Amino acid sequence: MTPYRRLEREVLFTGRGLHTGEECRVVLTPGMEGEGVLLRGRETFYPVEDSAFSGTGRGTELFLPDGTSLKTPEHLFATLAGLGVWSVRIAAEGPEIPALDGCSVAFAKVIEANSTPADDGGKGPEPMALPFPLIVENRDRGAVLAAFPSDELFLSYVITYEGTAIGTQASDFRPPADDFLPLLAPARTFALESEVQALLDRGLAKGGSMENAIVAGKNAVAAAGGLRFPDEFARHKILDLLGDLYLLGRPLRARIFALRAGHDLHCRLVERLHSVRSRKFNTKENEHA
């Protein structure tokens, strides 16, 4: 498990949202010990695990208990998970989390510089241990996301984009043996050249640019500075998955395999994990009733 880190001071990020193109800002402040991950609504903070969420759009969207919503938190959440920050207050202004560089590097460098290892044993939330396998799928597109019990978190992703320069890619990430900042954080979001106009017509990707995204055509990719990894597309999918798993509000111990998955299946898996965790706690309460 990634060692816990403690945010030491307030940090601020500003920039355009990836899809709305609107100016957004998010402030992270250190959480109190044992407080967990809190998101600010209109007047108060709510635990992230109390949020509803959806991954049916191009990204994840959160819905807080007071009706407020927040789009595309996954790259920020992946950073917090990858660095081991599990006690933090998050206050966003605007409809989205700023896109910044389209990955997690900008978030990670600032958060790492303003946090310290929790050398006192962590005092973070107890990780969730998966008691049995869970599988979610989308048969129409041959997509599967499977989680199995494990003593650690281990993520594997396989993607297939036939007829494009992406082709088939596979990648793994196993923290803390694999270092988040150099190996996963730089993997940028991407879109297919054939779908860019359709995204714009739907009012999406207004904040996308060649500085924060990769565009994949049939035979080539357009990316500022070229690809950062041969498997950058698959690595970004793992980045998204790691961010969506942060919705649990605690680390997860599981071996997860993803095939042609995306935010929709990520969110469905988190819903199943929430259900398993609730059933486990309810059983314990009944045993002691």
Protein backbone atom coordinates (compact mmCIF):
# COMPACT_ATOMS: atom_id res chain seq x y z
CA MET A 1 0.00 0.00 0.00
CA THR A 2 1.20 3.53 -0.79
CA PRO A 3 2.48 5.14 2.45
CA TYR A 4 0.27 7.91 3.78
CA ARG A 5 1.24 11.54 3.24
CA ARG A 6 -0.05 14.53 5.16
CA LEU A 7 -0.89 17.80 3.41
CA GLU A 8 0.85 20.54 5.41
CA ARG A 9 -0.65 23.72 3.95
CA GLU A 10 -3.33 25.01 1.63
CA VAL A 11 -2.74 24.66 -2.12
CA LEU A 12 -4.67 26.24 -5.00
CA PHE A 13 -5.14 25.22 -8.63
CA THR A 14 -6.80 27.36 -11.30
CA GLY A 15 -7.47 26.85 -14.99
CA ARG A 16 -10.07 25.95 -17.60
CA GLY A 17 -12.23 22.88 -17.28
CA LEU A 18 -11.55 20.19 -19.87
CA HIS A 19 -15.13 19.93 -21.11
CA THR A 20 -16.89 23.19 -20.19
CA GLY A 21 -13.90 25.38 -20.99
CA GLU A 22 -14.91 27.58 -18.05
CA GLU A 23 -12.45 29.04 -15.57
CA CYS A 24 -12.36 26.84 -12.46
CA ARG A 25 -10.42 26.69 -9.23
CA VAL A 26 -9.97 24.16 -6.47
CA VAL A 27 -8.47 24.66 -3.03
CA LEU A 28 -7.06 21.79 -0.98
CA THR A 29 -6.60 22.27 2.75
CA PRO A 30 -5.20 19.82 5.30
CA GLY A 31 -7.86 17.66 6.88
CA MET A 32 -8.10 16.93 10.57
CA GLU A 33 -6.80 13.56 11.74
CA GLY A 34 -9.26 10.81 10.94
CA GLU A 35 -11.49 13.16 8.96
CA GLY A 36 -10.97 11.49 5.59
CA VAL A 37 -11.66 13.03 2.18
CA LEU A 38 -14.21 15.87 2.34
CA LEU A 39 -15.80 17.80 -0.52
CA ARG A 40 -17.36 21.22 -0.03
CA GLY A 41 -20.97 21.71 -1.06
CA ARG A 42 -22.84 25.01 -0.84
CA GLU A 43 -22.40 25.49 2.89
CA THR A 44 -20.63 22.50 4.39
CA PHE A 45 -18.27 19.61 3.65
CA TYR A 46 -19.37 16.05 2.87
CA PRO A 47 -17.37 12.80 2.92
CA VAL A 48 -16.52 11.78 -0.63
CA GLU A 49 -18.08 8.36 -0.01
CA ASP A 50 -21.45 10.06 0.60
CA SER A 51 -21.50 11.39 -2.95
CA ALA A 52 -23.42 9.91 -5.85
CA PHE A 53 -21.48 9.72 -9.09
CA SER A 54 -21.74 8.89 -12.76
CA GLY A 55 -19.25 7.88 -15.41
CA THR A 56 -21.59 7.82 -18.38
CA GLY A 57 -20.18 11.03 -19.88
CA ARG A 58 -16.62 11.75 -20.97
CA GLY A 59 -15.32 11.65 -17.42
CA THR A 60 -16.68 11.24 -13.92
CA GLU A 61 -19.21 13.58 -12.32
CA LEU A 62 -19.93 13.82 -8.59
CA PHE A 63 -23.24 14.77 -7.01
CA LEU A 64 -23.07 15.90 -3.38
CA PRO A 65 -25.96 15.39 -0.94
CA ASP A 66 -26.98 19.07 -1.22
CA GLY A 67 -27.42 18.82 -5.00
CA THR A 68 -24.16 20.45 -6.07
CA SER A 69 -22.11 18.66 -8.70
CA LEU A 70 -18.52 18.55 -9.87
CA LYS A 71 -17.17 17.26 -13.18
CA THR A 72 -13.85 15.56 -14.02
CA PRO A 73 -12.24 15.14 -10.57
CA GLU A 74 -10.43 11.95 -11.62
CA HIS A 75 -6.96 13.36 -12.37
CA LEU A 76 -6.85 15.24 -9.06
CA PHE A 77 -8.20 12.20 -7.23
CA ALA A 78 -5.62 9.96 -8.91
CA THR A 79 -2.90 12.31 -7.66
CA LEU A 80 -4.15 12.19 -4.08
CA ALA A 81 -4.45 8.40 -4.22
CA GLY A 82 -1.09 7.98 -5.93
CA LEU A 83 0.68 10.13 -3.34
CA GLY A 84 -1.21 8.63 -0.38
CA VAL A 85 -3.16 11.73 0.76
CA TRP A 86 -6.33 10.47 2.45
CA SER A 87 -7.14 13.34 4.81
CA VAL A 88 -7.96 16.48 2.85
CA ARG A 89 -10.67 19.09 2.37
CA ILE A 90 -11.49 19.89 -1.26
CA ALA A 91 -13.35 23.08 -2.16
CA ALA A 92 -14.08 23.64 -5.86
CA GLU A 93 -15.43 26.74 -7.56
CA GLY A 94 -16.88 26.24 -11.03
CA PRO A 95 -18.37 23.21 -12.75
CA GLU A 96 -15.13 21.24 -13.09
CA ILE A 97 -11.74 20.56 -11.65
CA PRO A 98 -9.18 22.50 -13.76
CA ALA A 99 -7.74 20.39 -16.59
CA LEU A 100 -4.23 21.88 -16.24
CA ASP A 101 -1.89 19.60 -18.24
CA GLY A 102 -4.46 16.89 -18.98
CA CYS A 103 -2.84 14.44 -16.61
CA SER A 104 -1.63 14.54 -13.00
CA VAL A 105 1.87 16.02 -13.15
CA ALA A 106 0.89 19.61 -12.33
CA PHE A 107 -1.25 18.45 -9.42
CA ALA A 108 1.33 15.98 -8.17
CA LYS A 109 4.33 18.32 -8.11
CA VAL A 110 2.51 20.93 -6.04
CA ILE A 111 0.85 18.46 -3.67
CA GLU A 112 4.08 16.51 -3.13
CA ALA A 113 5.99 19.75 -2.41
CA ASN A 114 3.38 20.76 0.17
CA SER A 115 2.98 17.44 1.96
CA THR A 116 5.15 15.19 4.09
CA PRO A 117 5.28 11.45 4.75
CA ALA A 118 3.23 10.38 7.75
CA ASP A 119 6.15 8.86 9.63
CA ASP A 120 4.06 8.28 12.76
CA GLY A 121 2.39 5.21 11.28
CA GLY A 122 -0.02 7.00 8.99
CA LYS A 123 -3.19 7.32 11.02
CA GLY A 124 -5.03 7.11 7.73
CA PRO A 125 -8.23 5.24 6.94
CA GLU A 126 -8.21 1.48 7.14
CA PRO A 127 -7.84 0.05 3.63
CA MET A 128 -10.76 -1.90 2.23
CA ALA A 129 -9.93 -5.56 1.75
CA LEU A 130 -12.03 -7.17 -0.96
CA PRO A 131 -13.64 -10.34 0.48
CA PHE A 132 -14.60 -11.95 -2.86
CA PRO A 133 -14.33 -11.28 -6.62
CA LEU A 134 -16.48 -8.62 -8.27
CA ILE A 135 -17.09 -8.26 -12.01
CA VAL A 136 -18.91 -5.56 -13.98
CA GLU A 137 -19.21 -5.54 -17.75
CA ASN A 138 -20.65 -3.92 -20.84
CA ARG A 139 -21.36 -6.74 -23.24
CA ASP A 140 -22.25 -4.45 -26.13
CA ARG A 141 -18.66 -3.28 -26.42
CA GLY A 142 -16.94 -6.33 -24.91
CA ALA A 143 -15.82 -4.37 -21.85
CA VAL A 144 -15.02 -6.04 -18.53
CA LEU A 145 -13.72 -4.81 -15.18
CA ALA A 146 -12.88 -7.50 -12.63
CA ALA A 147 -11.57 -7.13 -9.07
CA PHE A 148 -10.11 -9.98 -7.01
CA PRO A 149 -8.98 -10.22 -3.37
CA SER A 150 -5.34 -9.26 -2.86
CA ASP A 151 -2.99 -8.05 -0.14
CA GLU A 152 -2.19 -4.96 -2.23
CA LEU A 153 -3.52 -2.80 -5.04
CA PHE A 154 -2.47 -3.97 -8.50
CA LEU A 155 -4.07 -2.46 -11.61
CA SER A 156 -3.89 -3.88 -15.15
CA TYR A 157 -5.53 -2.33 -18.20
CA VAL A 158 -5.94 -3.50 -21.80
CA ILE A 159 -7.40 -1.20 -24.44
CA THR A 160 -8.22 -1.78 -28.10
CA TYR A 161 -8.95 0.94 -30.63
CA GLU A 162 -9.06 -0.83 -33.96
CA GLY A 163 -8.39 1.25 -37.03
CA THR A 164 -6.42 3.89 -35.12
CA ALA A 165 -2.79 4.54 -34.28
CA ILE A 166 -3.49 3.37 -30.72
CA GLY A 167 -4.22 -0.22 -31.67
CA THR A 168 -4.04 -2.56 -28.68
CA GLN A 169 -2.11 -1.56 -25.58
CA ALA A 170 -1.65 -3.04 -22.11
CA SER A 171 -0.14 -1.57 -18.97
CA ASP A 172 0.20 -2.36 -15.24
CA PHE A 173 0.59 -0.26 -12.13
CA ARG A 174 1.50 -1.63 -8.73
CA PRO A 175 2.04 0.95 -5.97
CA PRO A 176 4.23 1.61 -4.08
CA ALA A 177 6.73 -0.49 -6.03
CA ASP A 178 5.77 1.57 -9.10
CA ASP A 179 6.35 5.27 -8.44
CA PHE A 180 3.26 7.33 -9.30
CA LEU A 181 4.92 10.61 -10.28
CA PRO A 182 7.30 9.39 -13.01
CA LEU A 183 5.37 6.34 -14.22
CA LEU A 184 1.67 7.25 -14.21
CA ALA A 185 1.13 10.96 -13.56
CA PRO A 186 2.48 12.14 -16.97
CA ALA A 187 0.02 10.04 -19.03
CA ARG A 188 -2.33 12.52 -20.75
CA THR A 189 -6.00 12.33 -21.63
CA PHE A 190 -6.78 11.53 -25.25
CA ALA A 191 -9.47 11.52 -27.92
CA LEU A 192 -9.84 9.99 -31.34
CA GLU A 193 -9.51 12.35 -34.28
CA SER A 194 -12.76 10.92 -35.67
CA GLU A 195 -14.73 11.94 -32.56
CA VAL A 196 -13.38 15.44 -31.84
CA GLN A 197 -16.04 17.31 -33.83
CA ALA A 198 -18.82 15.21 -32.30
CA LEU A 199 -17.51 16.04 -28.82
CA LEU A 200 -17.50 19.75 -29.63
CA ASP A 201 -21.02 19.50 -31.05
CA ARG A 202 -22.12 18.00 -27.71
CA GLY A 203 -20.61 20.94 -25.83
CA LEU A 204 -17.63 18.89 -24.59
CA ALA A 205 -13.84 19.21 -24.86
CA LYS A 206 -14.07 23.04 -24.97
CA GLY A 207 -11.01 23.26 -22.74
CA GLY A 208 -9.01 20.69 -24.66
CA SER A 209 -5.87 21.67 -26.57
CA MET A 210 -2.67 20.18 -27.88
CA GLU A 211 -1.09 21.24 -24.58
CA ASN A 212 -3.29 19.00 -22.44
CA ALA A 213 -4.52 16.19 -24.70
CA ILE A 214 -3.47 13.69 -27.34
CA VAL A 215 -5.43 13.23 -30.54
CA ALA A 216 -5.15 9.83 -32.20
CA GLY A 217 -5.80 9.46 -35.92
CA LYS A 218 -5.81 6.38 -38.12
CA ASN A 219 -2.07 6.23 -38.63
CA ALA A 220 -0.52 8.85 -36.34
CA VAL A 221 -1.01 10.75 -33.11
CA ALA A 222 -0.81 14.49 -32.47
CA ALA A 223 0.73 15.30 -29.09
CA ALA A 224 2.84 18.20 -27.89
CA GLY A 225 6.38 16.86 -27.58
CA GLY A 226 5.31 13.44 -28.85
CA LEU A 227 4.21 10.49 -26.74
CA ARG A 228 5.73 10.28 -23.27
CA PHE A 229 5.42 6.48 -23.13
CA PRO A 230 4.83 3.90 -25.88
CA ASP A 231 1.76 2.81 -23.88
CA GLU A 232 0.67 6.30 -22.77
CA PHE A 233 -2.97 5.63 -23.70
CA ALA A 234 -3.21 2.54 -21.50
CA ARG A 235 -1.38 4.32 -18.68
CA HIS A 236 -3.90 7.14 -18.80
CA LYS A 237 -6.72 4.62 -18.45
CA ILE A 238 -5.03 3.34 -15.28
CA LEU A 239 -4.73 6.95 -14.07
CA ASP A 240 -8.48 7.39 -14.57
CA LEU A 241 -9.22 4.13 -12.77
CA LEU A 242 -7.03 5.07 -9.82
CA GLY A 243 -8.84 8.41 -9.58
CA ASP A 244 -12.29 6.83 -9.73
CA LEU A 245 -11.36 4.34 -7.00
CA TYR A 246 -10.64 7.35 -4.74
CA LEU A 247 -14.44 7.70 -4.52
CA LEU A 248 -14.26 4.94 -1.91
CA GLY A 249 -12.70 7.41 0.50
CA ARG A 250 -10.07 4.87 1.54
CA PRO A 251 -7.33 2.75 -0.06
CA LEU A 252 -8.36 -0.52 -1.70
CA ARG A 253 -6.59 -3.85 -1.60
CA ALA A 254 -7.52 -5.68 -4.78
CA ARG A 255 -6.12 -7.10 -8.02
CA ILE A 256 -8.03 -5.36 -10.80
CA PHE A 257 -8.11 -6.27 -14.49
CA ALA A 258 -9.73 -3.92 -17.01
CA LEU A 259 -10.50 -4.72 -20.64
CA ARG A 260 -11.90 -1.95 -22.85
CA ALA A 261 -13.39 -0.35 -19.76
CA GLY A 262 -13.92 3.31 -18.94
CA HIS A 263 -15.44 5.66 -16.39
CA ASP A 264 -18.84 3.98 -16.64
CA LEU A 265 -17.50 0.62 -15.49
CA HIS A 266 -15.12 2.24 -13.00
CA CYS A 267 -18.09 3.90 -11.31
CA ARG A 268 -20.18 0.74 -11.40
CA LEU A 269 -17.34 -1.14 -9.69
CA VAL A 270 -17.09 1.54 -6.99
CA GLU A 271 -20.85 1.23 -6.44
CA ARG A 272 -20.44 -2.52 -5.96
CA LEU A 273 -17.54 -1.92 -3.57
CA HIS A 274 -19.63 0.54 -1.57
CA SER A 275 -22.37 -2.07 -1.36
CA VAL A 276 -19.97 -4.77 -0.16
CA ARG A 277 -18.49 -2.44 2.45
CA SER A 278 -21.94 -1.39 3.74
CA ARG A 279 -23.09 -4.99 3.95
CA LYS A 280 -19.95 -5.93 5.86
CA PHE A 281 -20.41 -3.13 8.41
CA ASN A 282 -24.13 -3.86 8.80
CA THR A 283 -23.34 -7.51 9.47
CA LYS A 284 -20.88 -6.52 12.19
CA GLU A 285 -23.47 -4.26 13.81
CA ASN A 286 -26.04 -7.07 13.78
CA GLU A 287 -23.55 -9.46 15.36
CA HIS A 288 -23.12 -7.07 18.30
CA ALA A 289 -26.78 -6.04 18.58
